[in-house]
Amino acid sequence: MIVSRNFSARDDGETGDEFPFERVFPVYARGALNPVADPVLLDFTNSGYDPIWDSIREEAKLEAEEEPVLSSFLYASILSHDCLEQALSFVLANRLQNPTLLATQLMDIFCNVMVHDRGIQSSIRLDVQAFKDRDPACLSYSSAILHLKGYLALQAYRVAHKLWKQGRKLLALALQSRVSEVFGIDIHPAARIGKGILLDHGTGVVIGETAVIGDRVSILHGVTLGGTGKETGDRHPNIGDGALLGACVTILGNIRIGAGAMVAAGSLVLKDVPSHSMVAGNPAKLIGFVDEQDPSLTMEHDATREFFENVAVAYRETIPNGSSVSGSCRERRH
């Protein structure tokens, strides 16, 4: 298979906007919230220089030297390929193959979509950067694309989503089914998911057909973005940029989780959540406001004593319907 590194596709088919490669690599990891032009990134635009792919190859070489028993695996999965798109296609194809969906067929599907879609090229890099930055268990870029099923399931979804928009719905659903069987992550191909996403662990994540997820969102295992019945149309949640959804959170219905909101582990959310707020409980109630612009980037959701003290104060001072919290809770967080 011949794969060109001269990425010439024009857009993701959704907004009609091109994804300039100066926006491919996030600077939010260095403290800024919005990607900006950078000389290294502009050099990549002009020359084809791909720092993430170069890092993945260097990591694979070192790992092959340190663990010779894996050298053939690392060569076949990474070192024998010309670009990240081709390597990722190979890994996905071999993880998702079965007796009737052959690895060679799957690799053709994945690779053809990825190398012709600049939106996906952008997203696979932003996503792997998100895993490297936010997941302390992610040892390297290469470990993400080789071993982390949250990352692999997310990239398989991106290809299935493109196929869905092209009208190839049966193939998109076949990929969804295989991803669910192999990784235990069920993302409908019609769902719309932004860039810089972390699916931490990923096991048990369910994302419904009309769900919308913004950029820089972090989602832990067991999260459900579901509907509330048999209604059709827009029936799933909309998750704002930079939100953090804790483990085993269930969000049901066509509701909005505001930008920068944090939903505590185990919560059941049935109502809109304001931006930059924190909710917890079953059903979830507003318990305070978060200091971070994007809590998804800091991943600070530990159940500390201070957290529980704030929860207790908030519940005592919340009005009966749980829709608001008094100012004293906000003050105690600062």
C-alpha atoms as a PDB file:
ATOM      1  CA  MET A   1       0.000   0.000   0.000  1.00  0.00           C
ATOM      2  CA  ILE A   2       1.341   3.424  -0.941  1.00  0.00           C
ATOM      3  CA  VAL A   3       0.483   6.241   1.435  1.00  0.00           C
ATOM      4  CA  SER A   4       1.392   9.817   0.596  1.00  0.00           C
ATOM      5  CA  ARG A   5       2.672  12.112   3.328  1.00  0.00           C
ATOM      6  CA  ASN A   6       1.527  15.097   1.308  1.00  0.00           C
ATOM      7  CA  PHE A   7      -1.803  15.483   3.041  1.00  0.00           C
ATOM      8  CA  SER A   8      -4.031  17.284   0.578  1.00  0.00           C
ATOM      9  CA  ALA A   9      -7.574  16.618   1.732  1.00  0.00           C
ATOM     10  CA  ARG A  10      -9.607  19.715   2.258  1.00  0.00           C
ATOM     11  CA  ASP A  11     -11.937  19.412   5.267  1.00  0.00           C
ATOM     12  CA  ASP A  12     -13.884  17.159   7.624  1.00  0.00           C
ATOM     13  CA  GLY A  13     -17.147  17.455   5.700  1.00  0.00           C
ATOM     14  CA  GLU A  14     -18.962  18.910   8.705  1.00  0.00           C
ATOM     15  CA  THR A  15     -18.261  22.590   8.868  1.00  0.00           C
ATOM     16  CA  GLY A  16     -16.644  23.170   5.481  1.00  0.00           C
ATOM     17  CA  ASP A  17     -13.663  24.734   7.256  1.00  0.00           C
ATOM     18  CA  GLU A  18     -10.165  23.480   6.650  1.00  0.00           C
ATOM     19  CA  PHE A  19      -8.033  22.357   9.580  1.00  0.00           C
ATOM     20  CA  PRO A  20      -4.774  24.312   9.220  1.00  0.00           C
ATOM     21  CA  PHE A  21      -1.848  22.295  10.490  1.00  0.00           C
ATOM     22  CA  GLU A  22      -0.619  25.186  12.618  1.00  0.00           C
ATOM     23  CA  ARG A  23      -3.552  24.136  14.840  1.00  0.00           C
ATOM     24  CA  VAL A  24      -2.733  20.441  14.863  1.00  0.00           C
ATOM     25  CA  PHE A  25      -0.487  20.375  17.918  1.00  0.00           C
ATOM     26  CA  PRO A  26      -1.998  21.823  21.089  1.00  0.00           C
ATOM     27  CA  VAL A  27      -0.297  24.544  23.069  1.00  0.00           C
ATOM     28  CA  TYR A  28      -2.820  24.134  25.890  1.00  0.00           C
ATOM     29  CA  ALA A  29      -0.403  21.571  27.329  1.00  0.00           C
ATOM     30  CA  ARG A  30       1.978  24.499  27.884  1.00  0.00           C
ATOM     31  CA  GLY A  31      -0.655  26.573  29.654  1.00  0.00           C
ATOM     32  CA  ALA A  32      -2.505  28.349  26.829  1.00  0.00           C
ATOM     33  CA  LEU A  33      -6.160  27.613  26.199  1.00  0.00           C
ATOM     34  CA  ASN A  34      -6.276  28.205  22.466  1.00  0.00           C
ATOM     35  CA  PRO A  35      -3.844  26.943  19.819  1.00  0.00           C
ATOM     36  CA  VAL A  36      -1.786  29.696  18.236  1.00  0.00           C
ATOM     37  CA  ALA A  37       0.667  29.919  15.383  1.00  0.00           C
ATOM     38  CA  ASP A  38       4.088  28.490  16.273  1.00  0.00           C
ATOM     39  CA  PRO A  39       7.249  28.400  14.120  1.00  0.00           C
ATOM     40  CA  VAL A  40       7.607  24.623  14.514  1.00  0.00           C
ATOM     41  CA  LEU A  41       3.987  24.059  13.521  1.00  0.00           C
ATOM     42  CA  LEU A  42       4.243  26.410  10.572  1.00  0.00           C
ATOM     43  CA  ASP A  43       7.349  24.515   9.491  1.00  0.00           C
ATOM     44  CA  PHE A  44       5.288  21.319   9.578  1.00  0.00           C
ATOM     45  CA  THR A  45       2.678  22.982   7.357  1.00  0.00           C
ATOM     46  CA  ASN A  46       5.276  23.878   4.765  1.00  0.00           C
ATOM     47  CA  SER A  47       7.622  20.898   4.905  1.00  0.00           C
ATOM     48  CA  GLY A  48       5.592  17.931   6.105  1.00  0.00           C
ATOM     49  CA  TYR A  49       7.561  17.762   9.368  1.00  0.00           C
ATOM     50  CA  ASP A  50       5.463  15.789  11.861  1.00  0.00           C
ATOM     51  CA  PRO A  51       6.902  16.001  15.395  1.00  0.00           C
ATOM     52  CA  ILE A  52       4.406  13.590  16.950  1.00  0.00           C
ATOM     53  CA  TRP A  53       5.081  10.907  14.344  1.00  0.00           C
ATOM     54  CA  ASP A  54       8.825  11.458  14.685  1.00  0.00           C
ATOM     55  CA  SER A  55       8.510  11.058  18.458  1.00  0.00           C
ATOM     56  CA  ILE A  56       6.499   7.851  18.044  1.00  0.00           C
ATOM     57  CA  ARG A  57       9.186   6.367  15.775  1.00  0.00           C
ATOM     58  CA  GLU A  58      11.995   7.316  18.159  1.00  0.00           C
ATOM     59  CA  GLU A  59      10.097   5.823  21.087  1.00  0.00           C
ATOM     60  CA  ALA A  60       9.506   2.601  19.157  1.00  0.00           C
ATOM     61  CA  LYS A  61      13.215   2.284  18.329  1.00  0.00           C
ATOM     62  CA  LEU A  62      14.182   2.693  21.980  1.00  0.00           C
ATOM     63  CA  GLU A  63      11.482   0.263  23.110  1.00  0.00           C
ATOM     64  CA  ALA A  64      12.671  -2.336  20.602  1.00  0.00           C
ATOM     65  CA  GLU A  65      16.193  -2.070  22.012  1.00  0.00           C
ATOM     66  CA  GLU A  66      14.998  -2.309  25.606  1.00  0.00           C
ATOM     67  CA  GLU A  67      12.594  -5.207  24.953  1.00  0.00           C
ATOM     68  CA  PRO A  68      13.890  -7.247  21.996  1.00  0.00           C
ATOM     69  CA  VAL A  69      11.011  -9.733  22.224  1.00  0.00           C
ATOM     70  CA  LEU A  70       8.743  -6.904  21.029  1.00  0.00           C
ATOM     71  CA  SER A  71      11.004  -5.742  18.209  1.00  0.00           C
ATOM     72  CA  SER A  72       9.032  -7.539  15.472  1.00  0.00           C
ATOM     73  CA  PHE A  73       5.753  -6.190  16.862  1.00  0.00           C
ATOM     74  CA  LEU A  74       7.129  -2.650  16.992  1.00  0.00           C
ATOM     75  CA  TYR A  75       8.567  -2.892  13.502  1.00  0.00           C
ATOM     76  CA  ALA A  76       5.309  -4.205  12.011  1.00  0.00           C
ATOM     77  CA  SER A  77       3.132  -1.711  13.914  1.00  0.00           C
ATOM     78  CA  ILE A  78       5.215   1.468  13.683  1.00  0.00           C
ATOM     79  CA  LEU A  79       8.682   1.357  12.167  1.00  0.00           C
ATOM     80  CA  SER A  80       7.674  -0.159   8.831  1.00  0.00           C
ATOM     81  CA  HIS A  81       5.191   2.646   8.085  1.00  0.00           C
ATOM     82  CA  ASP A  82       5.659   6.040   6.483  1.00  0.00           C
ATOM     83  CA  CYS A  83       3.200   8.114   8.518  1.00  0.00           C
ATOM     84  CA  LEU A  84       1.020   8.063  11.608  1.00  0.00           C
ATOM     85  CA  GLU A  85      -2.121   7.451   9.551  1.00  0.00           C
ATOM     86  CA  GLN A  86      -0.703   4.261   8.055  1.00  0.00           C
ATOM     87  CA  ALA A  87       0.623   2.950  11.374  1.00  0.00           C
ATOM     88  CA  LEU A  88      -2.645   3.649  13.179  1.00  0.00           C
ATOM     89  CA  SER A  89      -4.603   1.990  10.382  1.00  0.00           C
ATOM     90  CA  PHE A  90      -2.417  -1.113  10.721  1.00  0.00           C
ATOM     91  CA  VAL A  91      -2.904  -1.284  14.494  1.00  0.00           C
ATOM     92  CA  LEU A  92      -6.678  -0.778  14.282  1.00  0.00           C
ATOM     93  CA  ALA A  93      -7.062  -3.308  11.475  1.00  0.00           C
ATOM     94  CA  ASN A  94      -5.234  -5.996  13.397  1.00  0.00           C
ATOM     95  CA  ARG A  95      -7.129  -5.325  16.616  1.00  0.00           C
ATOM     96  CA  LEU A  96     -10.566  -5.294  14.951  1.00  0.00           C
ATOM     97  CA  GLN A  97     -10.226  -8.061  12.368  1.00  0.00           C
ATOM     98  CA  ASN A  98     -12.339 -11.180  12.497  1.00  0.00           C
ATOM     99  CA  PRO A  99     -12.869 -14.102  10.086  1.00  0.00           C
ATOM    100  CA  THR A 100     -15.239 -12.060   7.897  1.00  0.00           C
ATOM    101  CA  LEU A 101     -13.682  -8.592   8.305  1.00  0.00           C
ATOM    102  CA  LEU A 102     -10.131  -9.179   7.181  1.00  0.00           C
ATOM    103  CA  ALA A 103      -7.234  -7.068   8.416  1.00  0.00           C
ATOM    104  CA  THR A 104      -6.234  -6.162   4.848  1.00  0.00           C
ATOM    105  CA  GLN A 105      -9.753  -4.886   4.117  1.00  0.00           C
ATOM    106  CA  LEU A 106      -9.913  -2.918   7.341  1.00  0.00           C
ATOM    107  CA  MET A 107      -6.518  -1.360   6.793  1.00  0.00           C
ATOM    108  CA  ASP A 108      -7.571  -0.166   3.344  1.00  0.00           C
ATOM    109  CA  ILE A 109     -10.723   1.369   4.837  1.00  0.00           C
ATOM    110  CA  PHE A 110      -8.962   3.110   7.727  1.00  0.00           C
ATOM    111  CA  CYS A 111      -6.015   4.346   5.698  1.00  0.00           C
ATOM    112  CA  ASN A 112      -8.063   5.659   2.783  1.00  0.00           C
ATOM    113  CA  VAL A 113     -10.269   7.684   5.134  1.00  0.00           C
ATOM    114  CA  MET A 114      -7.443   9.045   7.277  1.00  0.00           C
ATOM    115  CA  VAL A 115      -5.095  10.203   4.541  1.00  0.00           C
ATOM    116  CA  HIS A 116      -7.890  12.054   2.743  1.00  0.00           C
ATOM    117  CA  ASP A 117      -9.400  13.833   5.756  1.00  0.00           C
ATOM    118  CA  ARG A 118      -7.482  16.691   7.335  1.00  0.00           C
ATOM    119  CA  GLY A 119      -9.938  16.869  10.211  1.00  0.00           C
ATOM    120  CA  ILE A 120      -9.079  13.314  11.213  1.00  0.00           C
ATOM    121  CA  GLN A 121      -5.361  13.966  10.718  1.00  0.00           C
ATOM    122  CA  SER A 122      -5.684  16.859  13.144  1.00  0.00           C
ATOM    123  CA  SER A 123      -7.803  14.908  15.633  1.00  0.00           C
ATOM    124  CA  ILE A 124      -5.624  11.799  15.899  1.00  0.00           C
ATOM    125  CA  ARG A 125      -2.680  14.010  16.875  1.00  0.00           C
ATOM    126  CA  LEU A 126      -4.615  16.201  19.281  1.00  0.00           C
ATOM    127  CA  ASP A 127      -6.097  13.085  20.886  1.00  0.00           C
ATOM    128  CA  VAL A 128      -2.754  11.339  21.376  1.00  0.00           C
ATOM    129  CA  GLN A 129      -1.373  14.553  22.873  1.00  0.00           C
ATOM    130  CA  ALA A 130      -4.346  14.631  25.252  1.00  0.00           C
ATOM    131  CA  PHE A 131      -3.619  11.077  26.403  1.00  0.00           C
ATOM    132  CA  LYS A 132       0.060  11.850  26.894  1.00  0.00           C
ATOM    133  CA  ASP A 133      -0.645  15.053  28.844  1.00  0.00           C
ATOM    134  CA  ARG A 134      -3.573  13.983  31.015  1.00  0.00           C
ATOM    135  CA  ASP A 135      -3.212  10.252  31.654  1.00  0.00           C
ATOM    136  CA  PRO A 136      -0.283   9.485  33.998  1.00  0.00           C
ATOM    137  CA  ALA A 137      -0.500   5.832  32.939  1.00  0.00           C
ATOM    138  CA  CYS A 138       0.301   6.784  29.333  1.00  0.00           C
ATOM    139  CA  LEU A 139       4.061   6.245  29.188  1.00  0.00           C
ATOM    140  CA  SER A 140       4.607   7.547  25.666  1.00  0.00           C
ATOM    141  CA  TYR A 141       2.910   8.507  22.417  1.00  0.00           C
ATOM    142  CA  SER A 142       3.664   5.053  21.027  1.00  0.00           C
ATOM    143  CA  SER A 143       2.041   3.296  23.990  1.00  0.00           C
ATOM    144  CA  ALA A 144      -1.162   5.224  23.325  1.00  0.00           C
ATOM    145  CA  ILE A 145      -1.489   4.128  19.709  1.00  0.00           C
ATOM    146  CA  LEU A 146      -0.413   0.560  20.460  1.00  0.00           C
ATOM    147  CA  HIS A 147      -2.097  -0.283  23.749  1.00  0.00           C
ATOM    148  CA  LEU A 148      -4.660   2.220  25.026  1.00  0.00           C
ATOM    149  CA  LYS A 149      -8.093   1.062  23.942  1.00  0.00           C
ATOM    150  CA  GLY A 150      -9.705   4.408  24.728  1.00  0.00           C
ATOM    151  CA  TYR A 151      -7.503   6.060  22.121  1.00  0.00           C
ATOM    152  CA  LEU A 152      -7.943   3.264  19.568  1.00  0.00           C
ATOM    153  CA  ALA A 153     -11.725   3.155  19.962  1.00  0.00           C
ATOM    154  CA  LEU A 154     -11.900   6.922  19.521  1.00  0.00           C
ATOM    155  CA  GLN A 155      -9.947   6.830  16.251  1.00  0.00           C
ATOM    156  CA  ALA A 156     -12.028   3.928  14.928  1.00  0.00           C
ATOM    157  CA  TYR A 157     -15.110   6.032  15.711  1.00  0.00           C
ATOM    158  CA  ARG A 158     -13.666   8.952  13.713  1.00  0.00           C
ATOM    159  CA  VAL A 159     -13.348   6.761  10.636  1.00  0.00           C
ATOM    160  CA  ALA A 160     -16.836   5.286  11.180  1.00  0.00           C
ATOM    161  CA  HIS A 161     -18.235   8.821  11.543  1.00  0.00           C
ATOM    162  CA  LYS A 162     -16.737   9.818   8.204  1.00  0.00           C
ATOM    163  CA  LEU A 163     -18.205   6.717   6.568  1.00  0.00           C
ATOM    164  CA  TRP A 164     -21.600   7.506   8.136  1.00  0.00           C
ATOM    165  CA  LYS A 165     -21.560  10.999   6.637  1.00  0.00           C
ATOM    166  CA  GLN A 166     -20.630   9.510   3.260  1.00  0.00           C
ATOM    167  CA  GLY A 167     -23.760   7.364   3.383  1.00  0.00           C
ATOM    168  CA  ARG A 168     -21.860   4.122   4.054  1.00  0.00           C
ATOM    169  CA  LYS A 169     -23.937   3.474   7.144  1.00  0.00           C
ATOM    170  CA  LEU A 170     -23.796  -0.334   7.144  1.00  0.00           C
ATOM    171  CA  LEU A 171     -20.002  -0.279   7.128  1.00  0.00           C
ATOM    172  CA  ALA A 172     -19.962   2.401   9.833  1.00  0.00           C
ATOM    173  CA  LEU A 173     -22.260   0.300  12.015  1.00  0.00           C
ATOM    174  CA  ALA A 174     -20.126  -2.796  11.388  1.00  0.00           C
ATOM    175  CA  LEU A 175     -17.104  -0.892  12.709  1.00  0.00           C
ATOM    176  CA  GLN A 176     -19.096   0.322  15.714  1.00  0.00           C
ATOM    177  CA  SER A 177     -20.070  -3.274  16.476  1.00  0.00           C
ATOM    178  CA  ARG A 178     -16.483  -4.536  16.269  1.00  0.00           C
ATOM    179  CA  VAL A 179     -15.186  -1.699  18.451  1.00  0.00           C
ATOM    180  CA  SER A 180     -17.842  -2.504  21.050  1.00  0.00           C
ATOM    181  CA  GLU A 181     -16.947  -6.206  20.979  1.00  0.00           C
ATOM    182  CA  VAL A 182     -13.174  -5.730  21.113  1.00  0.00           C
ATOM    183  CA  PHE A 183     -12.755  -2.661  23.320  1.00  0.00           C
ATOM    184  CA  GLY A 184     -16.006  -2.558  25.303  1.00  0.00           C
ATOM    185  CA  ILE A 185     -16.655   1.025  24.147  1.00  0.00           C
ATOM    186  CA  ASP A 186     -19.849   1.797  22.230  1.00  0.00           C
ATOM    187  CA  ILE A 187     -19.860   5.055  20.237  1.00  0.00           C
ATOM    188  CA  HIS A 188     -22.550   5.535  17.629  1.00  0.00           C
ATOM    189  CA  PRO A 189     -20.967   6.656  14.342  1.00  0.00           C
ATOM    190  CA  ALA A 190     -23.440   9.533  13.992  1.00  0.00           C
ATOM    191  CA  ALA A 191     -22.327  11.138  17.278  1.00  0.00           C
ATOM    192  CA  ARG A 192     -20.224  14.303  16.915  1.00  0.00           C
ATOM    193  CA  ILE A 193     -17.016  14.439  18.929  1.00  0.00           C
ATOM    194  CA  GLY A 194     -14.452  17.229  18.999  1.00  0.00           C
ATOM    195  CA  LYS A 195     -10.662  17.187  19.197  1.00  0.00           C
ATOM    196  CA  GLY A 196      -8.230  16.706  22.069  1.00  0.00           C
ATOM    197  CA  ILE A 197     -10.423  14.040  23.723  1.00  0.00           C
ATOM    198  CA  LEU A 198      -9.331  11.712  26.515  1.00  0.00           C
ATOM    199  CA  LEU A 199     -11.196   8.437  27.060  1.00  0.00           C
ATOM    200  CA  ASP A 200      -9.422   7.302  30.219  1.00  0.00           C
ATOM    201  CA  HIS A 201      -9.616   3.493  30.448  1.00  0.00           C
ATOM    202  CA  GLY A 202     -12.727   3.673  28.283  1.00  0.00           C
ATOM    203  CA  THR A 203     -14.368   0.459  29.448  1.00  0.00           C
ATOM    204  CA  GLY A 204     -18.144   0.748  29.465  1.00  0.00           C
ATOM    205  CA  VAL A 205     -18.367   4.153  27.764  1.00  0.00           C
ATOM    206  CA  VAL A 206     -21.602   4.525  25.768  1.00  0.00           C
ATOM    207  CA  ILE A 207     -22.211   7.548  23.505  1.00  0.00           C
ATOM    208  CA  GLY A 208     -25.558   7.791  21.738  1.00  0.00           C
ATOM    209  CA  GLU A 209     -26.450   8.711  18.187  1.00  0.00           C
ATOM    210  CA  THR A 210     -27.210  12.418  18.607  1.00  0.00           C
ATOM    211  CA  ALA A 211     -24.673  13.158  21.337  1.00  0.00           C
ATOM    212  CA  VAL A 212     -22.342  16.125  20.800  1.00  0.00           C
ATOM    213  CA  ILE A 213     -18.997  16.430  22.602  1.00  0.00           C
ATOM    214  CA  GLY A 214     -16.855  19.564  22.361  1.00  0.00           C
ATOM    215  CA  ASP A 215     -13.073  19.935  22.297  1.00  0.00           C
ATOM    216  CA  ARG A 216     -10.665  19.076  25.146  1.00  0.00           C
ATOM    217  CA  VAL A 217     -13.199  16.922  27.016  1.00  0.00           C
ATOM    218  CA  SER A 218     -12.013  14.182  29.396  1.00  0.00           C
ATOM    219  CA  ILE A 219     -14.248  11.149  29.930  1.00  0.00           C
ATOM    220  CA  LEU A 220     -13.536   8.367  32.392  1.00  0.00           C
ATOM    221  CA  HIS A 221     -14.704   4.758  32.265  1.00  0.00           C
ATOM    222  CA  GLY A 222     -18.345   3.783  32.568  1.00  0.00           C
ATOM    223  CA  VAL A 223     -19.771   7.084  31.294  1.00  0.00           C
ATOM    224  CA  THR A 224     -23.132   6.933  29.500  1.00  0.00           C
ATOM    225  CA  LEU A 225     -24.427   9.708  27.258  1.00  0.00           C
ATOM    226  CA  GLY A 226     -27.865   8.285  26.593  1.00  0.00           C
ATOM    227  CA  GLY A 227     -31.461   9.025  25.738  1.00  0.00           C
ATOM    228  CA  THR A 228     -34.500   8.776  27.962  1.00  0.00           C
ATOM    229  CA  GLY A 229     -36.843   6.626  25.910  1.00  0.00           C
ATOM    230  CA  LYS A 230     -37.894   5.764  22.393  1.00  0.00           C
ATOM    231  CA  GLU A 231     -38.176   9.315  21.090  1.00  0.00           C
ATOM    232  CA  THR A 232     -36.409  10.180  17.855  1.00  0.00           C
ATOM    233  CA  GLY A 233     -34.515  13.311  16.878  1.00  0.00           C
ATOM    234  CA  ASP A 234     -32.008  15.131  19.075  1.00  0.00           C
ATOM    235  CA  ARG A 235     -32.282  13.079  22.246  1.00  0.00           C
ATOM    236  CA  HIS A 236     -28.762  12.820  23.688  1.00  0.00           C
ATOM    237  CA  PRO A 237     -26.554  15.166  25.757  1.00  0.00           C
ATOM    238  CA  ASN A 238     -24.413  18.016  24.501  1.00  0.00           C
ATOM    239  CA  ILE A 239     -21.071  18.282  26.339  1.00  0.00           C
ATOM    240  CA  GLY A 240     -19.295  21.654  26.280  1.00  0.00           C
ATOM    241  CA  ASP A 241     -15.588  22.274  25.679  1.00  0.00           C
ATOM    242  CA  GLY A 242     -13.220  21.383  28.493  1.00  0.00           C
ATOM    243  CA  ALA A 243     -15.740  19.429  30.579  1.00  0.00           C
ATOM    244  CA  LEU A 244     -14.667  16.573  32.846  1.00  0.00           C
ATOM    245  CA  LEU A 245     -16.975  13.559  33.268  1.00  0.00           C
ATOM    246  CA  GLY A 246     -16.001  11.321  36.170  1.00  0.00           C
ATOM    247  CA  ALA A 247     -16.170   7.543  36.289  1.00  0.00           C
ATOM    248  CA  CYS A 248     -19.585   5.906  35.861  1.00  0.00           C
ATOM    249  CA  VAL A 249     -21.414   9.184  35.218  1.00  0.00           C
ATOM    250  CA  THR A 250     -24.803   8.807  33.510  1.00  0.00           C
ATOM    251  CA  ILE A 251     -26.183  11.780  31.558  1.00  0.00           C
ATOM    252  CA  LEU A 252     -29.585  11.277  29.987  1.00  0.00           C
ATOM    253  CA  GLY A 253     -31.632  13.246  27.501  1.00  0.00           C
ATOM    254  CA  ASN A 254     -31.172  16.299  25.326  1.00  0.00           C
ATOM    255  CA  ILE A 255     -29.488  18.395  28.013  1.00  0.00           C
ATOM    256  CA  ARG A 256     -26.440  20.632  28.052  1.00  0.00           C
ATOM    257  CA  ILE A 257     -23.309  20.184  30.167  1.00  0.00           C
ATOM    258  CA  GLY A 258     -21.696  23.602  30.064  1.00  0.00           C
ATOM    259  CA  ALA A 259     -18.128  24.363  29.056  1.00  0.00           C
ATOM    260  CA  GLY A 260     -15.601  23.641  31.776  1.00  0.00           C
ATOM    261  CA  ALA A 261     -18.131  21.831  33.983  1.00  0.00           C
ATOM    262  CA  MET A 262     -17.173  18.885  36.180  1.00  0.00           C
ATOM    263  CA  VAL A 263     -19.507  15.968  36.875  1.00  0.00           C
ATOM    264  CA  ALA A 264     -18.451  13.894  39.887  1.00  0.00           C
ATOM    265  CA  ALA A 265     -18.092  10.125  39.629  1.00  0.00           C
ATOM    266  CA  GLY A 266     -21.285   8.109  39.874  1.00  0.00           C
ATOM    267  CA  SER A 267     -23.610  11.040  39.242  1.00  0.00           C
ATOM    268  CA  LEU A 268     -26.926  10.790  37.407  1.00  0.00           C
ATOM    269  CA  VAL A 269     -27.520  14.009  35.461  1.00  0.00           C
ATOM    270  CA  LEU A 270     -31.019  14.813  34.217  1.00  0.00           C
ATOM    271  CA  LYS A 271     -30.870  18.625  33.953  1.00  0.00           C
ATOM    272  CA  ASP A 272     -28.636  21.214  32.315  1.00  0.00           C
ATOM    273  CA  VAL A 273     -25.356  21.901  34.110  1.00  0.00           C
ATOM    274  CA  PRO A 274     -24.002  25.486  34.093  1.00  0.00           C
ATOM    275  CA  SER A 275     -20.569  26.225  32.668  1.00  0.00           C
ATOM    276  CA  HIS A 276     -17.634  25.916  35.091  1.00  0.00           C
ATOM    277  CA  SER A 277     -19.794  24.337  37.764  1.00  0.00           C
ATOM    278  CA  MET A 278     -19.513  21.100  39.712  1.00  0.00           C
ATOM    279  CA  VAL A 279     -22.395  18.680  40.157  1.00  0.00           C
ATOM    280  CA  ALA A 280     -22.618  15.447  42.114  1.00  0.00           C
ATOM    281  CA  GLY A 281     -25.166  12.935  43.327  1.00  0.00           C
ATOM    282  CA  ASN A 282     -28.103  10.841  42.172  1.00  0.00           C
ATOM    283  CA  PRO A 283     -29.827  12.858  40.886  1.00  0.00           C
ATOM    284  CA  ALA A 284     -26.987  15.327  40.415  1.00  0.00           C
ATOM    285  CA  LYS A 285     -27.160  18.667  42.207  1.00  0.00           C
ATOM    286  CA  LEU A 286     -25.079  21.792  41.872  1.00  0.00           C
ATOM    287  CA  ILE A 287     -22.481  21.836  44.664  1.00  0.00           C
ATOM    288  CA  GLY A 288     -20.117  24.617  43.610  1.00  0.00           C
ATOM    289  CA  PHE A 289     -17.989  26.120  40.904  1.00  0.00           C
ATOM    290  CA  VAL A 290     -14.585  25.017  39.651  1.00  0.00           C
ATOM    291  CA  ASP A 291     -11.586  27.305  39.533  1.00  0.00           C
ATOM    292  CA  GLU A 292     -10.062  25.860  36.366  1.00  0.00           C
ATOM    293  CA  GLN A 293     -11.068  27.109  32.929  1.00  0.00           C
ATOM    294  CA  ASP A 294     -10.878  23.547  31.612  1.00  0.00           C
ATOM    295  CA  PRO A 295     -10.949  20.953  34.435  1.00  0.00           C
ATOM    296  CA  SER A 296     -10.541  18.289  31.765  1.00  0.00           C
ATOM    297  CA  LEU A 297      -6.910  19.387  31.363  1.00  0.00           C
ATOM    298  CA  THR A 298      -5.952  19.266  35.042  1.00  0.00           C
ATOM    299  CA  MET A 299      -7.933  16.054  35.752  1.00  0.00           C
ATOM    300  CA  GLU A 300      -8.274  17.173  39.382  1.00  0.00           C
ATOM    301  CA  HIS A 301     -11.281  15.192  40.523  1.00  0.00           C
ATOM    302  CA  ASP A 302      -9.946  13.448  43.614  1.00  0.00           C
ATOM    303  CA  ALA A 303     -12.337  12.847  46.511  1.00  0.00           C
ATOM    304  CA  THR A 304     -10.394  14.796  49.130  1.00  0.00           C
ATOM    305  CA  ARG A 305     -11.649  15.832  52.541  1.00  0.00           C
ATOM    306  CA  GLU A 306     -12.025  19.421  51.302  1.00  0.00           C
ATOM    307  CA  PHE A 307     -14.140  18.189  48.409  1.00  0.00           C
ATOM    308  CA  PHE A 308     -16.513  16.335  50.714  1.00  0.00           C
ATOM    309  CA  GLU A 309     -16.727  19.293  53.086  1.00  0.00           C
ATOM    310  CA  ASN A 310     -17.801  21.453  50.148  1.00  0.00           C
ATOM    311  CA  VAL A 311     -20.329  18.823  49.120  1.00  0.00           C
ATOM    312  CA  ALA A 312     -21.820  18.733  52.617  1.00  0.00           C
ATOM    313  CA  VAL A 313     -22.067  22.509  52.840  1.00  0.00           C
ATOM    314  CA  ALA A 314     -23.565  22.730  49.376  1.00  0.00           C
ATOM    315  CA  TYR A 315     -26.246  20.142  50.040  1.00  0.00           C
ATOM    316  CA  ARG A 316     -27.294  21.869  53.265  1.00  0.00           C
ATOM    317  CA  GLU A 317     -27.552  25.222  51.511  1.00  0.00           C
ATOM    318  CA  THR A 318     -29.089  24.064  48.232  1.00  0.00           C
ATOM    319  CA  ILE A 319     -32.718  24.951  47.630  1.00  0.00           C
ATOM    320  CA  PRO A 320     -35.115  21.956  47.610  1.00  0.00           C
ATOM    321  CA  ASN A 321     -35.114  21.373  43.860  1.00  0.00           C
ATOM    322  CA  GLY A 322     -31.313  21.319  43.798  1.00  0.00           C
ATOM    323  CA  SER A 323     -31.116  23.916  41.037  1.00  0.00           C
ATOM    324  CA  SER A 324     -28.862  26.457  42.748  1.00  0.00           C
ATOM    325  CA  VAL A 325     -26.303  26.804  45.491  1.00  0.00           C
ATOM    326  CA  SER A 326     -25.618  29.718  47.807  1.00  0.00           C
ATOM    327  CA  GLY A 327     -22.644  32.011  47.475  1.00  0.00           C
ATOM    328  CA  SER A 328     -20.988  30.698  50.657  1.00  0.00           C
ATOM    329  CA  CYS A 329     -20.072  27.487  48.883  1.00  0.00           C
ATOM    330  CA  ARG A 330     -18.335  29.427  46.145  1.00  0.00           C
ATOM    331  CA  GLU A 331     -16.466  31.477  48.725  1.00  0.00           C
ATOM    332  CA  ARG A 332     -15.181  28.431  50.564  1.00  0.00           C
ATOM    333  CA  ARG A 333     -13.619  27.145  47.363  1.00  0.00           C
ATOM    334  CA  HIS A 334     -11.386  30.221  47.039  1.00  0.00           C
END
